[in-house]
Amino acid sequence: MFLKYPENDEGYLTKLKSKIVNRKTLSDIGESMEIRLILKYNQSRTINLSTLEGNAFEAIIGAIYLDGGYEKAKQSLNNYVFRKYLNFNRLLEEEIDFKSKLFIWCQRKKLHIDFFVVKETHENGQWCYEVVVIINKKEFGKGSGLSKKSAEQVAAKETLQLIGEI
């Protein structure tokens, strides 16, 4: 990363690295590579295929590392994956971690923040969670998702929009 963005500081490079290795990006890469075409899994179970592809992609990189070492894994990522399957400009424009951004905003303003699950439902083999953000005992954004984490992200994004931070 440093060689691609030498003018940027450590914080910027850390943020970029975290966007590359997050679950969504890994799943997107796995999907673009069409890893699902070679996966064998129990199709009778409810499985998030996108997550499975991301995990499989991560395992492939780990296997390259174990088999060929660090330099081979680095070459594979740089010469194949990054060039063909990763759009750095789009990735830099996306704000992925709204919850962290909201926590930082609250810390700067010395505000107390909590995320509360207000509803959990289970339908058709999937859980759905509804979360609300509470800042200084006042309700702000709400969000729902198939995991608590994704619901919190949606609620944090809505809160950031409500307070004018995005």
N, C-alpha and C. Protein backbone atom coordinates (compact mmCIF):
# COMPACT_ATOMS: atom_id res chain seq x y z
N MET A 1 0.81 -1.18 0.00
CA MET A 1 0.00 0.00 0.00
C MET A 1 0.86 1.26 0.00
N PHE A 2 1.94 1.19 0.77
CA PHE A 2 2.80 2.36 0.89
C PHE A 2 3.35 2.78 -0.48
N LEU A 3 3.74 1.79 -1.31
CA LEU A 3 4.30 2.10 -2.62
C LEU A 3 3.26 2.68 -3.57
N LYS A 4 2.00 2.29 -3.41
CA LYS A 4 0.93 2.80 -4.26
C LYS A 4 0.50 4.20 -3.82
N TYR A 5 0.55 4.47 -2.52
CA TYR A 5 0.12 5.76 -1.97
C TYR A 5 1.20 6.33 -1.04
N PRO A 6 2.39 6.65 -1.58
CA PRO A 6 3.50 7.10 -0.71
C PRO A 6 3.27 8.46 -0.06
N GLU A 7 2.36 9.27 -0.63
CA GLU A 7 2.12 10.61 -0.09
C GLU A 7 1.16 10.60 1.10
N ASN A 8 0.53 9.46 1.36
CA ASN A 8 -0.46 9.40 2.43
C ASN A 8 0.16 8.93 3.74
N ASP A 9 -0.45 9.35 4.85
CA ASP A 9 0.08 9.01 6.17
C ASP A 9 -0.37 7.61 6.62
N GLU A 10 0.13 7.21 7.77
CA GLU A 10 -0.15 5.88 8.32
C GLU A 10 -1.63 5.65 8.59
N GLY A 11 -2.33 6.67 9.08
CA GLY A 11 -3.76 6.54 9.36
C GLY A 11 -4.56 6.25 8.11
N TYR A 12 -4.22 6.95 7.03
CA TYR A 12 -4.90 6.73 5.75
C TYR A 12 -4.65 5.32 5.25
N LEU A 13 -3.41 4.87 5.31
CA LEU A 13 -3.06 3.52 4.84
C LEU A 13 -3.72 2.45 5.69
N THR A 14 -3.83 2.68 6.99
CA THR A 14 -4.51 1.73 7.88
C THR A 14 -5.99 1.64 7.52
N LYS A 15 -6.61 2.78 7.26
CA LYS A 15 -8.02 2.80 6.88
C LYS A 15 -8.22 2.04 5.56
N LEU A 16 -7.33 2.26 4.60
CA LEU A 16 -7.41 1.56 3.32
C LEU A 16 -7.25 0.05 3.51
N LYS A 17 -6.29 -0.34 4.33
CA LYS A 17 -6.07 -1.77 4.59
C LYS A 17 -7.31 -2.40 5.22
N SER A 18 -7.93 -1.69 6.15
CA SER A 18 -9.12 -2.25 6.81
C SER A 18 -10.28 -2.39 5.83
N LYS A 19 -10.36 -1.50 4.84
CA LYS A 19 -11.40 -1.62 3.83
C LYS A 19 -11.15 -2.81 2.90
N ILE A 20 -9.88 -3.11 2.64
CA ILE A 20 -9.55 -4.23 1.76
C ILE A 20 -9.84 -5.56 2.42
N VAL A 21 -9.51 -5.69 3.70
CA VAL A 21 -9.64 -6.99 4.37
C VAL A 21 -10.97 -7.18 5.10
N ASN A 22 -11.92 -6.26 4.93
CA ASN A 22 -13.19 -6.46 5.61
C ASN A 22 -14.02 -7.52 4.89
N ARG A 23 -14.98 -8.05 5.58
CA ARG A 23 -15.80 -9.16 5.10
C ARG A 23 -16.50 -8.84 3.78
N LYS A 24 -17.03 -7.64 3.62
CA LYS A 24 -17.75 -7.27 2.41
C LYS A 24 -16.81 -7.29 1.20
N THR A 25 -15.64 -6.70 1.32
CA THR A 25 -14.70 -6.65 0.20
C THR A 25 -14.24 -8.05 -0.18
N LEU A 26 -13.91 -8.88 0.82
CA LEU A 26 -13.49 -10.25 0.53
C LEU A 26 -14.60 -11.03 -0.15
N SER A 27 -15.82 -10.82 0.29
CA SER A 27 -16.97 -11.49 -0.34
C SER A 27 -17.18 -11.01 -1.77
N ASP A 28 -17.02 -9.71 -1.99
CA ASP A 28 -17.15 -9.16 -3.34
C ASP A 28 -16.10 -9.74 -4.28
N ILE A 29 -14.86 -9.86 -3.79
CA ILE A 29 -13.79 -10.44 -4.61
C ILE A 29 -14.10 -11.90 -4.91
N GLY A 30 -14.50 -12.65 -3.89
CA GLY A 30 -14.86 -14.05 -4.09
C GLY A 30 -15.98 -14.22 -5.10
N GLU A 31 -16.96 -13.31 -5.04
CA GLU A 31 -18.08 -13.37 -5.98
C GLU A 31 -17.60 -13.04 -7.40
N SER A 32 -16.76 -12.01 -7.53
CA SER A 32 -16.23 -11.64 -8.85
C SER A 32 -15.40 -12.76 -9.47
N MET A 33 -14.70 -13.50 -8.62
CA MET A 33 -13.88 -14.61 -9.10
C MET A 33 -14.73 -15.85 -9.40
N GLU A 34 -16.02 -15.77 -9.09
CA GLU A 34 -16.96 -16.87 -9.29
C GLU A 34 -16.54 -18.14 -8.55
N ILE A 35 -16.08 -17.94 -7.33
CA ILE A 35 -15.65 -19.06 -6.49
C ILE A 35 -16.80 -20.01 -6.21
N ARG A 36 -18.03 -19.50 -6.18
CA ARG A 36 -19.19 -20.36 -5.88
C ARG A 36 -19.32 -21.51 -6.87
N LEU A 37 -18.79 -21.34 -8.07
CA LEU A 37 -18.90 -22.40 -9.08
C LEU A 37 -18.12 -23.65 -8.71
N ILE A 38 -17.11 -23.50 -7.84
CA ILE A 38 -16.31 -24.67 -7.45
C ILE A 38 -16.49 -25.08 -5.99
N LEU A 39 -17.32 -24.33 -5.25
CA LEU A 39 -17.56 -24.65 -3.84
C LEU A 39 -18.49 -25.85 -3.71
N LYS A 40 -18.19 -26.68 -2.73
CA LYS A 40 -19.09 -27.76 -2.38
C LYS A 40 -19.58 -27.48 -0.97
N TYR A 41 -20.91 -27.42 -0.83
CA TYR A 41 -21.50 -27.12 0.47
C TYR A 41 -22.88 -27.76 0.53
N ASN A 42 -23.39 -27.86 1.72
CA ASN A 42 -24.70 -28.46 1.94
C ASN A 42 -25.78 -27.47 1.50
N GLN A 43 -26.37 -27.72 0.34
CA GLN A 43 -27.34 -26.78 -0.23
C GLN A 43 -28.69 -26.81 0.48
N SER A 44 -28.88 -27.80 1.34
CA SER A 44 -30.16 -27.85 2.07
C SER A 44 -30.16 -26.90 3.27
N ARG A 45 -29.00 -26.39 3.64
CA ARG A 45 -28.91 -25.44 4.75
C ARG A 45 -28.99 -24.02 4.23
N THR A 46 -29.50 -23.13 5.07
CA THR A 46 -29.53 -21.72 4.71
C THR A 46 -28.13 -21.16 4.96
N ILE A 47 -27.48 -20.80 3.87
CA ILE A 47 -26.10 -20.32 3.94
C ILE A 47 -26.00 -19.00 3.20
N ASN A 48 -25.29 -18.04 3.77
CA ASN A 48 -25.00 -16.80 3.07
C ASN A 48 -23.86 -17.09 2.11
N LEU A 49 -24.20 -17.30 0.84
CA LEU A 49 -23.22 -17.72 -0.15
C LEU A 49 -22.12 -16.68 -0.34
N SER A 50 -22.46 -15.41 -0.21
CA SER A 50 -21.48 -14.35 -0.35
C SER A 50 -20.40 -14.46 0.73
N THR A 51 -20.82 -14.72 1.96
CA THR A 51 -19.86 -14.89 3.05
C THR A 51 -19.00 -16.12 2.82
N LEU A 52 -19.61 -17.17 2.33
CA LEU A 52 -18.89 -18.41 2.03
C LEU A 52 -17.81 -18.16 0.97
N GLU A 53 -18.15 -17.38 -0.06
CA GLU A 53 -17.17 -17.04 -1.10
C GLU A 53 -16.01 -16.22 -0.53
N GLY A 54 -16.33 -15.27 0.34
CA GLY A 54 -15.29 -14.46 0.96
C GLY A 54 -14.36 -15.31 1.82
N ASN A 55 -14.95 -16.24 2.59
CA ASN A 55 -14.14 -17.15 3.41
C ASN A 55 -13.26 -18.04 2.54
N ALA A 56 -13.82 -18.52 1.42
CA ALA A 56 -13.06 -19.39 0.51
C ALA A 56 -11.92 -18.61 -0.13
N PHE A 57 -12.17 -17.36 -0.52
CA PHE A 57 -11.10 -16.53 -1.09
C PHE A 57 -9.97 -16.34 -0.08
N GLU A 58 -10.36 -16.04 1.15
CA GLU A 58 -9.39 -15.86 2.22
C GLU A 58 -8.57 -17.14 2.43
N ALA A 59 -9.22 -18.28 2.35
CA ALA A 59 -8.54 -19.57 2.51
C ALA A 59 -7.57 -19.82 1.35
N ILE A 60 -7.95 -19.41 0.15
CA ILE A 60 -7.07 -19.58 -1.02
C ILE A 60 -5.78 -18.78 -0.82
N ILE A 61 -5.91 -17.55 -0.38
CA ILE A 61 -4.72 -16.72 -0.13
C ILE A 61 -3.87 -17.35 0.97
N GLY A 62 -4.53 -17.86 2.01
CA GLY A 62 -3.78 -18.55 3.07
C GLY A 62 -3.05 -19.78 2.55
N ALA A 63 -3.68 -20.52 1.66
CA ALA A 63 -3.05 -21.71 1.09
C ALA A 63 -1.85 -21.33 0.23
N ILE A 64 -1.98 -20.24 -0.54
CA ILE A 64 -0.85 -19.77 -1.35
C ILE A 64 0.31 -19.39 -0.44
N TYR A 65 -0.01 -18.72 0.66
CA TYR A 65 1.02 -18.33 1.63
C TYR A 65 1.70 -19.56 2.24
N LEU A 66 0.91 -20.53 2.67
CA LEU A 66 1.48 -21.73 3.28
C LEU A 66 2.31 -22.54 2.29
N ASP A 67 1.86 -22.58 1.05
CA ASP A 67 2.55 -23.37 0.04
C ASP A 67 3.77 -22.66 -0.53
N GLY A 68 3.65 -21.36 -0.81
CA GLY A 68 4.73 -20.66 -1.49
C GLY A 68 5.43 -19.58 -0.68
N GLY A 69 4.87 -19.23 0.48
CA GLY A 69 5.49 -18.21 1.31
C GLY A 69 4.92 -16.83 1.07
N TYR A 70 5.46 -15.90 1.83
CA TYR A 70 4.96 -14.53 1.81
C TYR A 70 5.07 -13.88 0.43
N GLU A 71 6.24 -14.00 -0.21
CA GLU A 71 6.46 -13.34 -1.49
C GLU A 71 5.48 -13.83 -2.56
N LYS A 72 5.21 -15.13 -2.60
CA LYS A 72 4.27 -15.69 -3.59
C LYS A 72 2.85 -15.19 -3.32
N ALA A 73 2.46 -15.14 -2.05
CA ALA A 73 1.13 -14.63 -1.72
C ALA A 73 1.03 -13.16 -2.11
N LYS A 74 2.06 -12.40 -1.82
CA LYS A 74 2.09 -10.98 -2.16
C LYS A 74 2.01 -10.79 -3.68
N GLN A 75 2.77 -11.57 -4.43
CA GLN A 75 2.74 -11.49 -5.89
C GLN A 75 1.36 -11.84 -6.44
N SER A 76 0.75 -12.88 -5.89
CA SER A 76 -0.58 -13.29 -6.34
C SER A 76 -1.59 -12.17 -6.11
N LEU A 77 -1.54 -11.57 -4.93
CA LEU A 77 -2.47 -10.48 -4.62
C LEU A 77 -2.22 -9.27 -5.52
N ASN A 78 -0.96 -8.86 -5.62
CA ASN A 78 -0.64 -7.67 -6.42
C ASN A 78 -0.87 -7.87 -7.91
N ASN A 79 -0.41 -9.00 -8.45
CA ASN A 79 -0.45 -9.21 -9.89
C ASN A 79 -1.79 -9.72 -10.41
N TYR A 80 -2.57 -10.35 -9.56
CA TYR A 80 -3.81 -10.92 -10.05
C TYR A 80 -5.03 -10.30 -9.39
N VAL A 81 -5.11 -10.41 -8.09
CA VAL A 81 -6.32 -9.99 -7.38
C VAL A 81 -6.50 -8.48 -7.41
N PHE A 82 -5.50 -7.72 -6.96
CA PHE A 82 -5.65 -6.27 -6.88
C PHE A 82 -5.90 -5.65 -8.25
N ARG A 83 -5.18 -6.13 -9.26
CA ARG A 83 -5.33 -5.54 -10.60
C ARG A 83 -6.67 -5.87 -11.24
N LYS A 84 -7.13 -7.10 -11.04
CA LYS A 84 -8.33 -7.54 -11.75
C LYS A 84 -9.62 -7.37 -10.95
N TYR A 85 -9.56 -7.50 -9.63
CA TYR A 85 -10.78 -7.58 -8.84
C TYR A 85 -10.96 -6.49 -7.79
N LEU A 86 -10.04 -5.56 -7.67
CA LEU A 86 -10.16 -4.55 -6.63
C LEU A 86 -10.04 -3.16 -7.24
N ASN A 87 -11.07 -2.36 -7.07
CA ASN A 87 -11.08 -0.99 -7.56
C ASN A 87 -10.75 -0.08 -6.37
N PHE A 88 -9.49 0.32 -6.27
CA PHE A 88 -9.04 1.11 -5.12
C PHE A 88 -9.79 2.45 -5.03
N ASN A 89 -10.03 3.08 -6.17
CA ASN A 89 -10.71 4.38 -6.13
C ASN A 89 -12.12 4.25 -5.57
N ARG A 90 -12.86 3.23 -6.02
CA ARG A 90 -14.22 3.03 -5.50
C ARG A 90 -14.17 2.69 -4.02
N LEU A 91 -13.20 1.86 -3.65
CA LEU A 91 -13.05 1.45 -2.25
C LEU A 91 -12.76 2.65 -1.36
N LEU A 92 -11.94 3.57 -1.84
CA LEU A 92 -11.60 4.75 -1.05
C LEU A 92 -12.80 5.68 -0.88
N GLU A 93 -13.71 5.69 -1.85
CA GLU A 93 -14.88 6.55 -1.77
C GLU A 93 -15.93 6.01 -0.82
N GLU A 94 -15.96 4.68 -0.64
CA GLU A 94 -16.97 4.06 0.21
C GLU A 94 -16.63 4.27 1.68
N GLU A 95 -17.64 4.61 2.44
CA GLU A 95 -17.48 4.67 3.89
C GLU A 95 -18.10 3.40 4.44
N ILE A 96 -17.28 2.52 4.97
CA ILE A 96 -17.76 1.21 5.39
C ILE A 96 -18.09 1.19 6.87
N ASP A 97 -17.25 1.74 7.69
CA ASP A 97 -17.42 1.59 9.12
C ASP A 97 -18.09 2.81 9.74
N PHE A 98 -19.39 2.90 9.55
CA PHE A 98 -20.16 4.03 10.08
C PHE A 98 -20.20 4.02 11.60
N LYS A 99 -20.19 2.82 12.19
CA LYS A 99 -20.25 2.70 13.65
C LYS A 99 -19.00 3.33 14.28
N SER A 100 -17.84 3.03 13.74
CA SER A 100 -16.60 3.62 14.27
C SER A 100 -16.60 5.12 14.11
N LYS A 101 -17.04 5.58 12.95
CA LYS A 101 -17.10 7.02 12.70
C LYS A 101 -18.02 7.70 13.71
N LEU A 102 -19.15 7.06 14.01
CA LEU A 102 -20.09 7.62 14.98
C LEU A 102 -19.51 7.61 16.40
N PHE A 103 -18.82 6.53 16.77
CA PHE A 103 -18.18 6.47 18.08
C PHE A 103 -17.15 7.59 18.22
N ILE A 104 -16.35 7.82 17.20
CA ILE A 104 -15.34 8.89 17.24
C ILE A 104 -16.01 10.24 17.39
N TRP A 105 -17.10 10.48 16.65
CA TRP A 105 -17.83 11.74 16.75
C TRP A 105 -18.34 11.94 18.18
N CYS A 106 -18.92 10.89 18.76
CA CYS A 106 -19.44 10.99 20.14
C CYS A 106 -18.32 11.22 21.16
N GLN A 107 -17.19 10.56 20.98
CA GLN A 107 -16.07 10.75 21.90
C GLN A 107 -15.56 12.19 21.85
N ARG A 108 -15.46 12.74 20.63
CA ARG A 108 -15.01 14.12 20.49
C ARG A 108 -15.93 15.10 21.22
N LYS A 109 -17.22 14.81 21.18
CA LYS A 109 -18.22 15.69 21.79
C LYS A 109 -18.55 15.29 23.23
N LYS A 110 -17.86 14.24 23.72
CA LYS A 110 -18.08 13.73 25.08
C LYS A 110 -19.54 13.32 25.32
N LEU A 111 -20.10 12.59 24.34
CA LEU A 111 -21.47 12.11 24.42
C LEU A 111 -21.48 10.61 24.67
N HIS A 112 -22.46 10.15 25.43
CA HIS A 112 -22.60 8.72 25.71
C HIS A 112 -23.42 8.08 24.59
N ILE A 113 -22.92 6.96 24.05
CA ILE A 113 -23.61 6.29 22.94
C ILE A 113 -23.83 4.82 23.27
N ASP A 114 -24.99 4.33 22.88
CA ASP A 114 -25.32 2.90 23.02
C ASP A 114 -26.07 2.44 21.79
N PHE A 115 -25.93 1.15 21.50
CA PHE A 115 -26.70 0.50 20.45
C PHE A 115 -27.59 -0.53 21.13
N PHE A 116 -28.90 -0.47 20.89
CA PHE A 116 -29.83 -1.41 21.51
C PHE A 116 -30.57 -2.20 20.45
N VAL A 117 -30.61 -3.52 20.67
CA VAL A 117 -31.42 -4.37 19.81
C VAL A 117 -32.86 -4.23 20.30
N VAL A 118 -33.73 -3.71 19.45
CA VAL A 118 -35.12 -3.51 19.85
C VAL A 118 -36.03 -4.63 19.36
N LYS A 119 -35.54 -5.41 18.41
CA LYS A 119 -36.37 -6.50 17.90
C LYS A 119 -35.49 -7.55 17.24
N GLU A 120 -35.82 -8.82 17.52
CA GLU A 120 -35.17 -9.96 16.87
C GLU A 120 -36.27 -10.85 16.33
N THR A 121 -36.21 -11.18 15.05
CA THR A 121 -37.19 -12.08 14.47
C THR A 121 -36.47 -13.19 13.71
N HIS A 122 -37.15 -14.31 13.59
CA HIS A 122 -36.59 -15.45 12.87
C HIS A 122 -37.64 -15.95 11.89
N GLU A 123 -37.37 -15.71 10.60
CA GLU A 123 -38.31 -16.11 9.57
C GLU A 123 -37.56 -16.80 8.43
N ASN A 124 -38.16 -17.86 7.92
CA ASN A 124 -37.59 -18.59 6.78
C ASN A 124 -36.12 -18.96 7.01
N GLY A 125 -35.79 -19.34 8.22
CA GLY A 125 -34.44 -19.79 8.54
C GLY A 125 -33.43 -18.68 8.71
N GLN A 126 -33.87 -17.41 8.73
CA GLN A 126 -32.93 -16.30 8.90
C GLN A 126 -33.35 -15.40 10.04
N TRP A 127 -32.35 -14.93 10.76
CA TRP A 127 -32.60 -13.96 11.82
C TRP A 127 -32.59 -12.57 11.21
N CYS A 128 -33.39 -11.69 11.77
CA CYS A 128 -33.38 -10.28 11.39
C CYS A 128 -33.36 -9.47 12.69
N TYR A 129 -32.49 -8.48 12.72
CA TYR A 129 -32.32 -7.67 13.92
C TYR A 129 -32.65 -6.22 13.60
N GLU A 130 -33.31 -5.56 14.56
CA GLU A 130 -33.55 -4.12 14.47
C GLU A 130 -32.83 -3.46 15.63
N VAL A 131 -32.06 -2.44 15.31
CA VAL A 131 -31.21 -1.77 16.30
C VAL A 131 -31.50 -0.28 16.27
N VAL A 132 -31.40 0.35 17.42
CA VAL A 132 -31.54 1.80 17.52
C VAL A 132 -30.30 2.36 18.21
N VAL A 133 -29.90 3.56 17.79
CA VAL A 133 -28.78 4.27 18.40
C VAL A 133 -29.34 5.23 19.43
N ILE A 134 -28.76 5.19 20.63
CA ILE A 134 -29.14 6.11 21.70
C ILE A 134 -27.91 6.96 22.04
N ILE A 135 -28.07 8.27 21.92
CA ILE A 135 -26.99 9.20 22.27
C ILE A 135 -27.52 10.10 23.37
N ASN A 136 -26.83 10.06 24.52
CA ASN A 136 -27.25 10.84 25.70
C ASN A 136 -28.75 10.67 25.97
N LYS A 137 -29.18 9.41 26.00
CA LYS A 137 -30.55 9.02 26.33
C LYS A 137 -31.58 9.47 25.30
N LYS A 138 -31.13 9.90 24.10
CA LYS A 138 -32.06 10.31 23.06
C LYS A 138 -31.91 9.35 21.87
N GLU A 139 -33.05 8.92 21.34
CA GLU A 139 -33.07 7.98 20.23
C GLU A 139 -32.74 8.68 18.91
N PHE A 140 -31.85 8.04 18.14
CA PHE A 140 -31.47 8.58 16.84
C PHE A 140 -31.79 7.55 15.77
N GLY A 141 -30.80 7.15 14.98
CA GLY A 141 -31.03 6.28 13.84
C GLY A 141 -31.44 4.87 14.20
N LYS A 142 -32.18 4.27 13.27
CA LYS A 142 -32.60 2.87 13.40
C LYS A 142 -32.08 2.12 12.19
N GLY A 143 -31.86 0.82 12.39
CA GLY A 143 -31.42 0.01 11.27
C GLY A 143 -31.79 -1.45 11.47
N SER A 144 -31.88 -2.15 10.38
CA SER A 144 -32.16 -3.58 10.47
C SER A 144 -31.20 -4.32 9.55
N GLY A 145 -30.96 -5.59 9.88
CA GLY A 145 -30.07 -6.41 9.08
C GLY A 145 -30.11 -7.85 9.51
N LEU A 146 -29.44 -8.70 8.74
CA LEU A 146 -29.42 -10.13 9.01
C LEU A 146 -28.44 -10.50 10.12
N SER A 147 -27.67 -9.52 10.59
CA SER A 147 -26.81 -9.72 11.76
C SER A 147 -26.89 -8.46 12.61
N LYS A 148 -26.54 -8.58 13.88
CA LYS A 148 -26.55 -7.40 14.75
C LYS A 148 -25.58 -6.35 14.22
N LYS A 149 -24.42 -6.83 13.76
CA LYS A 149 -23.38 -5.93 13.26
C LYS A 149 -23.88 -5.13 12.05
N SER A 150 -24.54 -5.79 11.11
CA SER A 150 -25.03 -5.06 9.93
C SER A 150 -26.16 -4.10 10.31
N ALA A 151 -27.01 -4.49 11.25
CA ALA A 151 -28.07 -3.60 11.72
C ALA A 151 -27.47 -2.37 12.41
N GLU A 152 -26.42 -2.57 13.18
CA GLU A 152 -25.75 -1.45 13.85
C GLU A 152 -25.14 -0.50 12.84
N GLN A 153 -24.56 -1.03 11.77
CA GLN A 153 -23.98 -0.19 10.72
C GLN A 153 -25.05 0.68 10.07
N VAL A 154 -26.19 0.08 9.77
CA VAL A 154 -27.29 0.83 9.15
C VAL A 154 -27.79 1.92 10.10
N ALA A 155 -27.95 1.57 11.37
CA ALA A 155 -28.40 2.55 12.37
C ALA A 155 -27.38 3.66 12.55
N ALA A 156 -26.10 3.32 12.55
CA ALA A 156 -25.04 4.32 12.69
C ALA A 156 -25.03 5.25 11.48
N LYS A 157 -25.20 4.68 10.28
CA LYS A 157 -25.22 5.51 9.07
C LYS A 157 -26.40 6.48 9.11
N GLU A 158 -27.57 5.99 9.49
CA GLU A 158 -28.74 6.87 9.58
C GLU A 158 -28.51 7.97 10.61
N THR A 159 -27.89 7.63 11.73
CA THR A 159 -27.59 8.62 12.77
C THR A 159 -26.64 9.68 12.23
N LEU A 160 -25.60 9.26 11.53
CA LEU A 160 -24.64 10.21 10.96
C LEU A 160 -25.33 11.14 9.96
N GLN A 161 -26.27 10.61 9.21
CA GLN A 161 -27.04 11.45 8.29
C GLN A 161 -27.91 12.44 9.06
N LEU A 162 -28.54 11.98 10.13
CA LEU A 162 -29.41 12.84 10.93
C LEU A 162 -28.64 13.99 11.58
N ILE A 163 -27.41 13.73 12.00
CA ILE A 163 -26.62 14.76 12.68
C ILE A 163 -25.78 15.58 11.69
N GLY A 164 -25.90 15.26 10.41
CA GLY A 164 -25.22 16.04 9.38
C GLY A 164 -23.75 15.73 9.19
N GLU A 165 -23.34 14.55 9.58
CA GLU A 165 -21.92 14.18 9.44
C GLU A 165 -21.64 13.47 8.10
N ILE A 166 -22.68 13.04 7.41
CA ILE A 166 -22.51 12.49 6.05
C ILE A 166 -23.68 12.92 5.19
